[in-house]
Amino acid sequence: QVQLVESGGGLVQAGGSLRLSCAVSGGIFSSYAMGWFRQAPGKERDFVSAINRRGDSTTYADSVKGRLTISRDNTKNTVYLQMNSLKPEDTAVYYCAGDVAFSPNTIKVLTTQYDYWGQGTQVTVSS
């Protein structure tokens, strides 16, 4: 049984930073493409960032480019989201997601492409 557990969320002032972590257990982490999504109250779950199996290819939503950085450590079965220059509009519950990727180059950006999800971690940015 694959489990994803996020941590690192919290309350931060605008312009501040947070680092989210997502620890994966119960599967072969190095075979998973990973992603981060977020959901604000009353809104749909939106794509934030994704990374391939090897960690050498990434993609970002336009709204977070230059401020958020995704990375992974396959020796620690963990994916990270470094969040800098945070804005109030970044306030949301952040979810990590994982799915088996048969190609090492695969990056997945749709919620429907992921089988495994964490429980989410709240990020609140005050103005």
Foldseek 3Di string as FASTA:
>chain_A
DKAKAKDWADEEAQQAKIKMKIAIDDDQLLQKKKFKWWDDPPGDIAGAKTAFSVFPDMDGDPVQPPFWDWGDDSVRRMIMIIGGRDDQVVWTWMKMFIDGDPDRPDIDGDPVRTDYIHPTDTHGYHD
